[in-house]
PDB file of all heavy atoms in Angstrom:
ATOM      1  N   LEU A   1       8.539   9.907  -6.660  1.00  0.00           N
ATOM      2  CA  LEU A   1       9.972  10.188  -6.774  1.00  0.00           C
ATOM      3  C   LEU A   1      10.105  11.531  -7.488  1.00  0.00           C
ATOM      4  O   LEU A   1       9.655  11.679  -8.628  1.00  0.00           O
ATOM      5  CB  LEU A   1      10.661   9.087  -7.561  1.00  0.00           C
ATOM      6  CG  LEU A   1      12.189   8.981  -7.448  1.00  0.00           C
ATOM      7  CD1 LEU A   1      12.602   8.752  -5.999  1.00  0.00           C
ATOM      8  CD2 LEU A   1      12.714   7.864  -8.325  1.00  0.00           C
ATOM      9  N   ALA A   2      10.697  12.513  -6.807  1.00  0.00           N
ATOM     10  CA  ALA A   2      10.649  13.892  -7.299  1.00  0.00           C
ATOM     11  C   ALA A   2      12.021  14.550  -7.264  1.00  0.00           C
ATOM     12  O   ALA A   2      12.943  14.086  -6.595  1.00  0.00           O
ATOM     13  CB  ALA A   2       9.667  14.709  -6.462  1.00  0.00           C
ATOM     14  N   LYS A   3      12.120  15.667  -7.992  1.00  0.00           N
ATOM     15  CA  LYS A   3      13.282  16.543  -7.911  1.00  0.00           C
ATOM     16  C   LYS A   3      12.815  17.871  -7.332  1.00  0.00           C
ATOM     17  O   LYS A   3      11.737  18.366  -7.654  1.00  0.00           O
ATOM     18  CB  LYS A   3      13.912  16.757  -9.284  1.00  0.00           C
ATOM     19  CG  LYS A   3      14.676  15.542  -9.805  1.00  0.00           C
ATOM     20  CD  LYS A   3      15.375  15.846 -11.129  1.00  0.00           C
ATOM     21  CE  LYS A   3      16.169  14.650 -11.619  1.00  0.00           C
ATOM     22  NZ  LYS A   3      16.841  14.942 -12.923  1.00  0.00           N
ATOM     23  N   VAL A   4      13.659  18.454  -6.452  1.00  0.00           N
ATOM     24  CA  VAL A   4      13.312  19.719  -5.816  1.00  0.00           C
ATOM     25  C   VAL A   4      14.594  20.500  -5.574  1.00  0.00           C
ATOM     26  O   VAL A   4      15.647  19.920  -5.293  1.00  0.00           O
ATOM     27  CB  VAL A   4      12.559  19.475  -4.480  1.00  0.00           C
ATOM     28  CG1 VAL A   4      13.396  18.658  -3.510  1.00  0.00           C
ATOM     29  CG2 VAL A   4      12.128  20.783  -3.842  1.00  0.00           C
ATOM     30  N   VAL A   5      14.515  21.820  -5.701  1.00  0.00           N
ATOM     31  CA  VAL A   5      15.652  22.689  -5.427  1.00  0.00           C
ATOM     32  C   VAL A   5      15.401  23.415  -4.116  1.00  0.00           C
ATOM     33  O   VAL A   5      14.391  24.112  -3.964  1.00  0.00           O
ATOM     34  CB  VAL A   5      15.872  23.707  -6.564  1.00  0.00           C
ATOM     35  CG1 VAL A   5      17.007  24.668  -6.206  1.00  0.00           C
ATOM     36  CG2 VAL A   5      16.190  22.986  -7.870  1.00  0.00           C
ATOM     37  N   ILE A   6      16.300  23.239  -3.152  1.00  0.00           N
ATOM     38  CA  ILE A   6      16.215  23.908  -1.854  1.00  0.00           C
ATOM     39  C   ILE A   6      17.549  24.601  -1.596  1.00  0.00           C
ATOM     40  O   ILE A   6      18.602  23.956  -1.621  1.00  0.00           O
ATOM     41  CB  ILE A   6      15.918  22.914  -0.719  1.00  0.00           C
ATOM     42  CG1 ILE A   6      14.592  22.187  -0.968  1.00  0.00           C
ATOM     43  CG2 ILE A   6      15.874  23.629   0.628  1.00  0.00           C
ATOM     44  CD1 ILE A   6      14.278  21.114   0.058  1.00  0.00           C
ATOM     45  N   ALA A   7      17.494  25.917  -1.393  1.00  0.00           N
ATOM     46  CA  ALA A   7      18.699  26.701  -1.096  1.00  0.00           C
ATOM     47  C   ALA A   7      19.776  26.485  -2.146  1.00  0.00           C
ATOM     48  O   ALA A   7      20.926  26.194  -1.810  1.00  0.00           O
ATOM     49  CB  ALA A   7      19.226  26.366   0.297  1.00  0.00           C
ATOM     50  N   THR A   8      19.419  26.613  -3.408  1.00  0.00           N
ATOM     51  CA  THR A   8      20.296  26.522  -4.582  1.00  0.00           C
ATOM     52  C   THR A   8      20.806  25.112  -4.870  1.00  0.00           C
ATOM     53  O   THR A   8      21.553  24.918  -5.815  1.00  0.00           O
ATOM     54  CB  THR A   8      21.523  27.456  -4.474  1.00  0.00           C
ATOM     55  OG1 THR A   8      22.468  26.943  -3.531  1.00  0.00           O
ATOM     56  CG2 THR A   8      21.118  28.867  -4.092  1.00  0.00           C
ATOM     57  N   LYS A   9      20.430  24.130  -4.073  1.00  0.00           N
ATOM     58  CA  LYS A   9      20.910  22.766  -4.292  1.00  0.00           C
ATOM     59  C   LYS A   9      19.769  21.873  -4.739  1.00  0.00           C
ATOM     60  O   LYS A   9      18.698  21.870  -4.145  1.00  0.00           O
ATOM     61  CB  LYS A   9      21.532  22.205  -3.005  1.00  0.00           C
ATOM     62  CG  LYS A   9      22.153  20.822  -3.195  1.00  0.00           C
ATOM     63  CD  LYS A   9      22.804  20.324  -1.917  1.00  0.00           C
ATOM     64  CE  LYS A   9      23.413  18.937  -2.108  1.00  0.00           C
ATOM     65  NZ  LYS A   9      24.046  18.420  -0.872  1.00  0.00           N
ATOM     66  N   GLN A  10      20.017  21.117  -5.815  1.00  0.00           N
ATOM     67  CA  GLN A  10      18.992  20.207  -6.302  1.00  0.00           C
ATOM     68  C   GLN A  10      19.073  18.880  -5.560  1.00  0.00           C
ATOM     69  O   GLN A  10      20.151  18.356  -5.298  1.00  0.00           O
ATOM     70  CB  GLN A  10      19.177  19.954  -7.800  1.00  0.00           C
ATOM     71  CG  GLN A  10      18.034  19.160  -8.420  1.00  0.00           C
ATOM     72  CD  GLN A  10      18.223  18.934  -9.911  1.00  0.00           C
ATOM     73  OE1 GLN A  10      19.250  18.408 -10.332  1.00  0.00           O
ATOM     74  NE2 GLN A  10      17.244  19.329 -10.705  1.00  0.00           N
ATOM     75  N   HIS A  11      17.904  18.345  -5.210  1.00  0.00           N
ATOM     76  CA  HIS A  11      17.817  17.093  -4.478  1.00  0.00           C
ATOM     77  C   HIS A  11      16.892  16.116  -5.193  1.00  0.00           C
ATOM     78  O   HIS A  11      15.926  16.522  -5.846  1.00  0.00           O
ATOM     79  CB  HIS A  11      17.250  17.314  -3.067  1.00  0.00           C
ATOM     80  CG  HIS A  11      18.055  18.235  -2.209  1.00  0.00           C
ATOM     81  ND1 HIS A  11      19.085  17.798  -1.406  1.00  0.00           N
ATOM     82  CD2 HIS A  11      17.980  19.574  -2.038  1.00  0.00           C
ATOM     83  CE1 HIS A  11      19.603  18.832  -0.763  1.00  0.00           C
ATOM     84  NE2 HIS A  11      18.954  19.916  -1.129  1.00  0.00           N
ATOM     85  N   LEU A  12      17.196  14.850  -5.038  1.00  0.00           N
ATOM     86  CA  LEU A  12      16.243  13.796  -5.346  1.00  0.00           C
ATOM     87  C   LEU A  12      15.468  13.549  -4.062  1.00  0.00           C
ATOM     88  O   LEU A  12      16.037  13.601  -2.971  1.00  0.00           O
ATOM     89  CB  LEU A  12      16.971  12.528  -5.778  1.00  0.00           C
ATOM     90  CG  LEU A  12      16.112  11.352  -6.243  1.00  0.00           C
ATOM     91  CD1 LEU A  12      15.364  11.712  -7.526  1.00  0.00           C
ATOM     92  CD2 LEU A  12      16.981  10.117  -6.448  1.00  0.00           C
ATOM     93  N   ALA A  13      14.158  13.308  -4.153  1.00  0.00           N
ATOM     94  CA  ALA A  13      13.352  13.179  -2.946  1.00  0.00           C
ATOM     95  C   ALA A  13      12.217  12.191  -3.167  1.00  0.00           C
ATOM     96  O   ALA A  13      11.785  11.961  -4.294  1.00  0.00           O
ATOM     97  CB  ALA A  13      12.797  14.537  -2.526  1.00  0.00           C
ATOM     98  N   ALA A  14      11.752  11.625  -2.054  1.00  0.00           N
ATOM     99  CA  ALA A  14      10.605  10.725  -2.077  1.00  0.00           C
ATOM    100  C   ALA A  14       9.456  11.401  -1.348  1.00  0.00           C
ATOM    101  O   ALA A  14       9.618  11.867  -0.215  1.00  0.00           O
ATOM    102  CB  ALA A  14      10.948   9.402  -1.398  1.00  0.00           C
ATOM    103  N   LEU A  15       8.303  11.485  -2.006  1.00  0.00           N
ATOM    104  CA  LEU A  15       7.111  12.048  -1.401  1.00  0.00           C
ATOM    105  C   LEU A  15       6.269  10.888  -0.875  1.00  0.00           C
ATOM    106  O   LEU A  15       5.750  10.084  -1.652  1.00  0.00           O
ATOM    107  CB  LEU A  15       6.324  12.870  -2.418  1.00  0.00           C
ATOM    108  CG  LEU A  15       5.156  13.685  -1.866  1.00  0.00           C
ATOM    109  CD1 LEU A  15       5.667  14.794  -0.942  1.00  0.00           C
ATOM    110  CD2 LEU A  15       4.343  14.290  -2.999  1.00  0.00           C
ATOM    111  N   VAL A  16       6.155  10.784   0.447  1.00  0.00           N
ATOM    112  CA  VAL A  16       5.607   9.591   1.097  1.00  0.00           C
ATOM    113  C   VAL A  16       4.412   9.961   1.981  1.00  0.00           C
ATOM    114  O   VAL A  16       4.515  10.885   2.789  1.00  0.00           O
ATOM    115  CB  VAL A  16       6.682   8.917   1.968  1.00  0.00           C
ATOM    116  CG1 VAL A  16       6.163   7.622   2.574  1.00  0.00           C
ATOM    117  CG2 VAL A  16       7.952   8.663   1.155  1.00  0.00           C
ATOM    118  N   PRO A  17       3.283   9.264   1.865  1.00  0.00           N
ATOM    119  CA  PRO A  17       2.170   9.505   2.789  1.00  0.00           C
ATOM    120  C   PRO A  17       2.504   8.931   4.170  1.00  0.00           C
ATOM    121  O   PRO A  17       3.017   7.823   4.286  1.00  0.00           O
ATOM    122  CB  PRO A  17       1.000   8.759   2.141  1.00  0.00           C
ATOM    123  CG  PRO A  17       1.634   7.678   1.340  1.00  0.00           C
ATOM    124  CD  PRO A  17       2.946   8.225   0.860  1.00  0.00           C
ATOM    125  N   SER A  18       2.213   9.710   5.214  1.00  0.00           N
ATOM    126  CA  SER A  18       2.490   9.269   6.579  1.00  0.00           C
ATOM    127  C   SER A  18       1.379   9.790   7.478  1.00  0.00           C
ATOM    128  O   SER A  18       1.409  10.949   7.911  1.00  0.00           O
ATOM    129  CB  SER A  18       3.852   9.783   7.052  1.00  0.00           C
ATOM    130  OG  SER A  18       4.117   9.396   8.388  1.00  0.00           O
ATOM    131  N   GLY A  19       0.363   8.952   7.738  1.00  0.00           N
ATOM    132  CA  GLY A  19      -0.781   9.418   8.504  1.00  0.00           C
ATOM    133  C   GLY A  19      -1.488  10.519   7.746  1.00  0.00           C
ATOM    134  O   GLY A  19      -1.744  10.410   6.550  1.00  0.00           O
ATOM    135  N   PRO A  20      -1.785  11.642   8.406  1.00  0.00           N
ATOM    136  CA  PRO A  20      -2.481  12.737   7.724  1.00  0.00           C
ATOM    137  C   PRO A  20      -1.559  13.603   6.872  1.00  0.00           C
ATOM    138  O   PRO A  20      -2.023  14.514   6.192  1.00  0.00           O
ATOM    139  CB  PRO A  20      -3.057  13.554   8.885  1.00  0.00           C
ATOM    140  CG  PRO A  20      -2.087  13.322   9.998  1.00  0.00           C
ATOM    141  CD  PRO A  20      -1.626  11.899   9.852  1.00  0.00           C
ATOM    142  N   ALA A  21      -0.258  13.344   6.918  1.00  0.00           N
ATOM    143  CA  ALA A  21       0.709  14.218   6.251  1.00  0.00           C
ATOM    144  C   ALA A  21       1.350  13.547   5.045  1.00  0.00           C
ATOM    145  O   ALA A  21       1.367  12.327   4.912  1.00  0.00           O
ATOM    146  CB  ALA A  21       1.798  14.633   7.238  1.00  0.00           C
ATOM    147  N   LEU A  22       1.897  14.396   4.185  1.00  0.00           N
ATOM    148  CA  LEU A  22       2.843  13.951   3.171  1.00  0.00           C
ATOM    149  C   LEU A  22       4.226  14.356   3.660  1.00  0.00           C
ATOM    150  O   LEU A  22       4.428  15.476   4.138  1.00  0.00           O
ATOM    151  CB  LEU A  22       2.554  14.610   1.819  1.00  0.00           C
ATOM    152  CG  LEU A  22       1.329  14.114   1.059  1.00  0.00           C
ATOM    153  CD1 LEU A  22       1.059  14.991  -0.159  1.00  0.00           C
ATOM    154  CD2 LEU A  22       1.511  12.656   0.624  1.00  0.00           C
ATOM    155  N   VAL A  23       5.174  13.438   3.572  1.00  0.00           N
ATOM    156  CA  VAL A  23       6.537  13.703   4.009  1.00  0.00           C
ATOM    157  C   VAL A  23       7.449  13.685   2.790  1.00  0.00           C
ATOM    158  O   VAL A  23       7.407  12.752   1.985  1.00  0.00           O
ATOM    159  CB  VAL A  23       7.020  12.654   5.036  1.00  0.00           C
ATOM    160  CG1 VAL A  23       8.495  12.859   5.366  1.00  0.00           C
ATOM    161  CG2 VAL A  23       6.176  12.735   6.300  1.00  0.00           C
ATOM    162  N   LEU A  24       8.240  14.725   2.646  1.00  0.00           N
ATOM    163  CA  LEU A  24       9.238  14.782   1.578  1.00  0.00           C
ATOM    164  C   LEU A  24      10.568  14.373   2.186  1.00  0.00           C
ATOM    165  O   LEU A  24      11.135  15.101   2.999  1.00  0.00           O
ATOM    166  CB  LEU A  24       9.333  16.184   0.989  1.00  0.00           C
ATOM    167  CG  LEU A  24      10.241  16.292  -0.236  1.00  0.00           C
ATOM    168  CD1 LEU A  24       9.544  15.702  -1.460  1.00  0.00           C
ATOM    169  CD2 LEU A  24      10.643  17.733  -0.505  1.00  0.00           C
ATOM    170  N   ASN A  25      11.063  13.198   1.826  1.00  0.00           N
ATOM    171  CA  ASN A  25      12.328  12.704   2.370  1.00  0.00           C
ATOM    172  C   ASN A  25      13.410  12.871   1.320  1.00  0.00           C
ATOM    173  O   ASN A  25      13.361  12.244   0.266  1.00  0.00           O
ATOM    174  CB  ASN A  25      12.203  11.235   2.772  1.00  0.00           C
ATOM    175  CG  ASN A  25      13.204  10.874   3.860  1.00  0.00           C
ATOM    176  OD1 ASN A  25      14.374  11.231   3.762  1.00  0.00           O
ATOM    177  ND2 ASN A  25      12.745  10.182   4.882  1.00  0.00           N
ATOM    178  N   LEU A  26      14.367  13.765   1.592  1.00  0.00           N
ATOM    179  CA  LEU A  26      15.474  13.948   0.656  1.00  0.00           C
ATOM    180  C   LEU A  26      16.276  12.662   0.568  1.00  0.00           C
ATOM    181  O   LEU A  26      16.509  11.987   1.574  1.00  0.00           O
ATOM    182  CB  LEU A  26      16.377  15.104   1.104  1.00  0.00           C
ATOM    183  CG  LEU A  26      15.711  16.472   1.264  1.00  0.00           C
ATOM    184  CD1 LEU A  26      16.760  17.544   1.528  1.00  0.00           C
ATOM    185  CD2 LEU A  26      14.867  16.839   0.061  1.00  0.00           C
ATOM    186  N   LEU A  27      16.707  12.336  -0.648  1.00  0.00           N
ATOM    187  CA  LEU A  27      17.436  11.096  -0.886  1.00  0.00           C
ATOM    188  C   LEU A  27      18.870  11.388  -1.308  1.00  0.00           C
ATOM    189  O   LEU A  27      19.163  12.460  -1.846  1.00  0.00           O
ATOM    190  CB  LEU A  27      16.751  10.284  -1.996  1.00  0.00           C
ATOM    191  CG  LEU A  27      15.280   9.922  -1.799  1.00  0.00           C
ATOM    192  CD1 LEU A  27      14.749   9.231  -3.046  1.00  0.00           C
ATOM    193  CD2 LEU A  27      15.098   9.029  -0.586  1.00  0.00           C
ATOM    194  N   ARG A  28      19.728  10.439  -1.050  1.00  0.00           N
ATOM    195  CA  ARG A  28      21.077  10.523  -1.609  1.00  0.00           C
ATOM    196  C   ARG A  28      21.006  10.136  -3.087  1.00  0.00           C
ATOM    197  O   ARG A  28      20.234   9.272  -3.477  1.00  0.00           O
ATOM    198  CB  ARG A  28      22.021   9.578  -0.855  1.00  0.00           C
ATOM    199  CG  ARG A  28      22.205   9.955   0.602  1.00  0.00           C
ATOM    200  CD  ARG A  28      23.102   8.968   1.337  1.00  0.00           C
ATOM    201  NE  ARG A  28      23.340   9.396   2.703  1.00  0.00           N
ATOM    202  CZ  ARG A  28      22.558   9.078   3.737  1.00  0.00           C
ATOM    203  NH1 ARG A  28      21.499   8.308   3.539  1.00  0.00           N
ATOM    204  NH2 ARG A  28      22.824   9.507   4.944  1.00  0.00           N
ATOM    205  N   TRP A  29      21.828  10.792  -3.902  1.00  0.00           N
ATOM    206  CA  TRP A  29      21.894  10.429  -5.308  1.00  0.00           C
ATOM    207  C   TRP A  29      22.536   9.050  -5.445  1.00  0.00           C
ATOM    208  O   TRP A  29      23.267   8.597  -4.551  1.00  0.00           O
ATOM    209  CB  TRP A  29      22.710  11.458  -6.091  1.00  0.00           C
ATOM    210  CG  TRP A  29      22.096  12.813  -6.128  1.00  0.00           C
ATOM    211  CD1 TRP A  29      22.426  13.891  -5.340  1.00  0.00           C
ATOM    212  CD2 TRP A  29      21.023  13.258  -6.968  1.00  0.00           C
ATOM    213  NE1 TRP A  29      21.645  14.977  -5.647  1.00  0.00           N
ATOM    214  CE2 TRP A  29      20.770  14.624  -6.651  1.00  0.00           C
ATOM    215  CE3 TRP A  29      20.252  12.659  -7.959  1.00  0.00           C
ATOM    216  CZ2 TRP A  29      19.789  15.373  -7.285  1.00  0.00           C
ATOM    217  CZ3 TRP A  29      19.287  13.414  -8.598  1.00  0.00           C
ATOM    218  CH2 TRP A  29      19.050  14.748  -8.265  1.00  0.00           C
ATOM    219  N   GLY A  30      22.266   8.403  -6.563  1.00  0.00           N
ATOM    220  CA  GLY A  30      22.767   7.039  -6.756  1.00  0.00           C
ATOM    221  C   GLY A  30      24.270   6.915  -6.608  1.00  0.00           C
ATOM    222  O   GLY A  30      24.771   5.932  -6.048  1.00  0.00           O
ATOM    223  N   ASP A  31      25.034   7.924  -7.096  1.00  0.00           N
ATOM    224  CA  ASP A  31      26.495   7.825  -7.014  1.00  0.00           C
ATOM    225  C   ASP A  31      27.034   8.215  -5.642  1.00  0.00           C
ATOM    226  O   ASP A  31      28.243   8.214  -5.413  1.00  0.00           O
ATOM    227  CB  ASP A  31      27.160   8.675  -8.096  1.00  0.00           C
ATOM    228  CG  ASP A  31      26.753  10.139  -8.037  1.00  0.00           C
ATOM    229  OD1 ASP A  31      25.977  10.506  -7.128  1.00  0.00           O
ATOM    230  OD2 ASP A  31      27.199  10.917  -8.899  1.00  0.00           O
ATOM    231  N   GLU A  32      26.141   8.567  -4.700  1.00  0.00           N
ATOM    232  CA  GLU A  32      26.566   8.884  -3.339  1.00  0.00           C
ATOM    233  C   GLU A  32      26.471   7.678  -2.408  1.00  0.00           C
ATOM    234  O   GLU A  32      26.945   7.738  -1.269  1.00  0.00           O
ATOM    235  CB  GLU A  32      25.707  10.022  -2.772  1.00  0.00           C
ATOM    236  CG  GLU A  32      25.904  11.352  -3.470  1.00  0.00           C
ATOM    237  CD  GLU A  32      25.022  12.449  -2.926  1.00  0.00           C
ATOM    238  OE1 GLU A  32      23.951  12.125  -2.361  1.00  0.00           O
ATOM    239  OE2 GLU A  32      25.387  13.627  -3.060  1.00  0.00           O
ATOM    240  N   VAL A  33      25.857   6.624  -2.882  1.00  0.00           N
ATOM    241  CA  VAL A  33      25.716   5.409  -2.070  1.00  0.00           C
ATOM    242  C   VAL A  33      26.700   4.364  -2.591  1.00  0.00           C
ATOM    243  O   VAL A  33      26.679   4.010  -3.768  1.00  0.00           O
ATOM    244  CB  VAL A  33      24.275   4.861  -2.135  1.00  0.00           C
ATOM    245  CG1 VAL A  33      24.173   3.539  -1.378  1.00  0.00           C
ATOM    246  CG2 VAL A  33      23.309   5.874  -1.551  1.00  0.00           C
ATOM    247  N   LYS A  34      27.554   3.887  -1.710  1.00  0.00           N
ATOM    248  CA  LYS A  34      28.564   2.915  -2.114  1.00  0.00           C
ATOM    249  C   LYS A  34      27.935   1.552  -2.393  1.00  0.00           C
ATOM    250  O   LYS A  34      26.933   1.178  -1.792  1.00  0.00           O
ATOM    251  CB  LYS A  34      29.639   2.783  -1.028  1.00  0.00           C
ATOM    252  CG  LYS A  34      30.456   4.054  -0.815  1.00  0.00           C
ATOM    253  CD  LYS A  34      31.537   3.835   0.230  1.00  0.00           C
ATOM    254  CE  LYS A  34      32.390   5.090   0.405  1.00  0.00           C
ATOM    255  NZ  LYS A  34      33.459   4.875   1.416  1.00  0.00           N
ATOM    256  N   THR A  35      28.555   0.817  -3.303  1.00  0.00           N
ATOM    257  CA  THR A  35      28.084  -0.532  -3.600  1.00  0.00           C
ATOM    258  C   THR A  35      28.591  -1.497  -2.532  1.00  0.00           C
ATOM    259  O   THR A  35      29.382  -1.139  -1.652  1.00  0.00           O
ATOM    260  CB  THR A  35      28.581  -0.988  -4.975  1.00  0.00           C
ATOM    261  OG1 THR A  35      30.014  -1.147  -4.924  1.00  0.00           O
ATOM    262  CG2 THR A  35      28.238   0.036  -6.052  1.00  0.00           C
ATOM    263  N   LEU A  36      28.140  -2.731  -2.613  1.00  0.00           N
ATOM    264  CA  LEU A  36      28.573  -3.768  -1.664  1.00  0.00           C
ATOM    265  C   LEU A  36      29.878  -4.431  -2.086  1.00  0.00           C
ATOM    266  O   LEU A  36      30.359  -5.335  -1.393  1.00  0.00           O
ATOM    267  CB  LEU A  36      27.481  -4.834  -1.545  1.00  0.00           C
ATOM    268  CG  LEU A  36      26.111  -4.342  -1.061  1.00  0.00           C
ATOM    269  CD1 LEU A  36      25.115  -5.499  -1.045  1.00  0.00           C
ATOM    270  CD2 LEU A  36      26.222  -3.713   0.318  1.00  0.00           C
ATOM    271  N   ASP A  37      30.439  -3.972  -3.196  1.00  0.00           N
ATOM    272  CA  ASP A  37      31.679  -4.576  -3.702  1.00  0.00           C
ATOM    273  C   ASP A  37      32.781  -4.482  -2.650  1.00  0.00           C
ATOM    274  O   ASP A  37      32.990  -3.452  -2.021  1.00  0.00           O
ATOM    275  CB  ASP A  37      32.143  -3.871  -4.988  1.00  0.00           C
ATOM    276  CG  ASP A  37      31.139  -4.046  -6.121  1.00  0.00           C
ATOM    277  OD1 ASP A  37      30.297  -4.953  -6.013  1.00  0.00           O
ATOM    278  OD2 ASP A  37      31.212  -3.277  -7.096  1.00  0.00           O
ATOM    279  N   GLY A  38      33.483  -5.566  -2.469  1.00  0.00           N
ATOM    280  CA  GLY A  38      34.604  -5.592  -1.535  1.00  0.00           C
ATOM    281  C   GLY A  38      34.226  -6.015  -0.133  1.00  0.00           C
ATOM    282  O   GLY A  38      35.115  -6.218   0.708  1.00  0.00           O
ATOM    283  N   LEU A  39      32.920  -6.142   0.148  1.00  0.00           N
ATOM    284  CA  LEU A  39      32.498  -6.592   1.472  1.00  0.00           C
ATOM    285  C   LEU A  39      32.385  -8.114   1.479  1.00  0.00           C
ATOM    286  O   LEU A  39      31.837  -8.714   0.557  1.00  0.00           O
ATOM    287  CB  LEU A  39      31.149  -5.974   1.843  1.00  0.00           C
ATOM    288  CG  LEU A  39      31.098  -4.448   1.924  1.00  0.00           C
ATOM    289  CD1 LEU A  39      29.701  -3.984   2.320  1.00  0.00           C
ATOM    290  CD2 LEU A  39      32.126  -3.914   2.908  1.00  0.00           C
ATOM    291  N   ASP A  40      32.898  -8.715   2.523  1.00  0.00           N
ATOM    292  CA  ASP A  40      32.856 -10.182   2.645  1.00  0.00           C
ATOM    293  C   ASP A  40      31.536 -10.578   3.292  1.00  0.00           C
ATOM    294  O   ASP A  40      31.433 -10.712   4.514  1.00  0.00           O
ATOM    295  CB  ASP A  40      34.046 -10.662   3.484  1.00  0.00           C
ATOM    296  CG  ASP A  40      34.128 -12.185   3.541  1.00  0.00           C
ATOM    297  OD1 ASP A  40      33.460 -12.842   2.704  1.00  0.00           O
ATOM    298  OD2 ASP A  40      34.838 -12.715   4.413  1.00  0.00           O
ATOM    299  N   LEU A  41      30.497 -10.717   2.468  1.00  0.00           N
ATOM    300  CA  LEU A  41      29.154 -11.006   2.979  1.00  0.00           C
ATOM    301  C   LEU A  41      28.757 -12.435   2.635  1.00  0.00           C
ATOM    302  O   LEU A  41      29.054 -12.922   1.536  1.00  0.00           O
ATOM    303  CB  LEU A  41      28.139 -10.037   2.354  1.00  0.00           C
ATOM    304  CG  LEU A  41      28.407  -8.545   2.583  1.00  0.00           C
ATOM    305  CD1 LEU A  41      27.410  -7.712   1.790  1.00  0.00           C
ATOM    306  CD2 LEU A  41      28.332  -8.212   4.063  1.00  0.00           C
ATOM    307  N   PRO A  42      28.075 -13.116   3.551  1.00  0.00           N
ATOM    308  CA  PRO A  42      27.601 -14.475   3.243  1.00  0.00           C
ATOM    309  C   PRO A  42      26.471 -14.405   2.218  1.00  0.00           C
ATOM    310  O   PRO A  42      25.726 -13.427   2.172  1.00  0.00           O
ATOM    311  CB  PRO A  42      27.086 -14.987   4.595  1.00  0.00           C
ATOM    312  CG  PRO A  42      26.733 -13.754   5.358  1.00  0.00           C
ATOM    313  CD  PRO A  42      27.708 -12.697   4.923  1.00  0.00           C
ATOM    314  N   PRO A  43      26.330 -15.422   1.384  1.00  0.00           N
ATOM    315  CA  PRO A  43      25.249 -15.437   0.389  1.00  0.00           C
ATOM    316  C   PRO A  43      23.887 -15.317   1.054  1.00  0.00           C
ATOM    317  O   PRO A  43      23.686 -15.755   2.178  1.00  0.00           O
ATOM    318  CB  PRO A  43      25.427 -16.793  -0.297  1.00  0.00           C
ATOM    319  CG  PRO A  43      26.833 -17.191  -0.018  1.00  0.00           C
ATOM    320  CD  PRO A  43      27.167 -16.633   1.325  1.00  0.00           C
ATOM    321  N   ALA A  44      22.938 -14.701   0.341  1.00  0.00           N
ATOM    322  CA  ALA A  44      21.604 -14.511   0.881  1.00  0.00           C
ATOM    323  C   ALA A  44      20.696 -15.669   0.502  1.00  0.00           C
ATOM    324  O   ALA A  44      20.966 -16.416  -0.432  1.00  0.00           O
ATOM    325  CB  ALA A  44      21.014 -13.193   0.366  1.00  0.00           C
TER     326      ALA A  44
END
């Protein structure tokens, strides 16, 4: 789990092994992902 700056913007990212490569997958920040509050979901 890493931080990286690309084109003046800071990102949270996941560095993941994928076959012969390492893949850097940019992540959404925690406050950019909505919670499940207000959704009528059946219990798990």
